[in-house]
Every structure is written in C-alpha cells, then in structure tokens.
Amino acid sequence: MEHIFTHESQHTAANCNTLQHIATLQHCSTYAVHCNKLQHNAAHCSTLQHTATHCSTLQHTAAHAAQCITIQHNATHCSTLQHTATHCNTLQHNATHCNTLQHTATHCSTLLHTVTNCNTLQHTATHCNTHAHTSHSTRTNES
C-alpha cells in the first residue's frame, strides 16, 4: 500500500506541478493581455499628446493671425487718416488761397472805388475848367 500511496503522491505532485504551470501560464497570459492594453493606451496617449501639441501650435498661430488682422486693420485706418489729413491740408491751402483772393478782391474793390472817385473828380475838374474858360472868354470879349 505504501507503494501505491507513493505512486499516487507522485502522480498528484505531477498534477499539481502541471496545474501550477498552467496557472502560471494563465497568470502570464492575463498579464500579457494587460500589458498589451497598457501598451495600446500608451500609444493612444502619445497620439493625444502629439495632437495636443499640434492644437497648441495652431492656437498660438491663430493668436498671431488675430494680431496680424488687428495690425492690418490699424494700418488701413492709419492710411485712411493719412489720406484725410492730406485732404485737410489741401482744403486748408485752398482756404488760405481763397482768403488771399478775397483780400485782393477787397483791395481791387477799394481801388475801383478810388478810380471812380478820381474819374468823377477829373470830370468835375474838366467841367470846371471848361466853365472857367468860357467865363474868362466872355469877360475878355466884354472888356
């Protein structure tokens, strides 16, 4: 009986070893599946990290684009103001020219008035001279 017990014990021990080996393999298999999942998740995280970096770059570029649009708008506004300033300067120059012309016209009007007065005085003087001459001729003939 002792021999059977030993044989059975050996058989049981071999079975235990086999079961233990299978359990270890199953445990490894479970770890392998778990490792694969972790590896897949790591790859996914790396992709997400790359995408996040790309998004950050795009966001930075968008901020620069917004600044460029603002600068361009301001440049256009400055150009419009510069054009308006040039137009104002032209108008101011024309206004100064008009004031000069108006002053000259007033001066001409004064001169014209003076000439008219001179003509009237000249006409009166001629008339007086004619009258005086006629008067003097008449007196000379009477004497």
Foldseek 3Di string as FASTA:
>chain_A
DVVVVVVVVVVVVVVVVVVVVVVVVVVVVVVVVVVVVVVVVVVVVVVVVVVVVVVVVVVVVVVVVVVVVVVVVVVVVVVVVVVVVVVVVVVVVVVVVVVVVVVVVVVVVVVVVVVVVVVVVVVVVVVVVVVVVVVVVVVVVVD
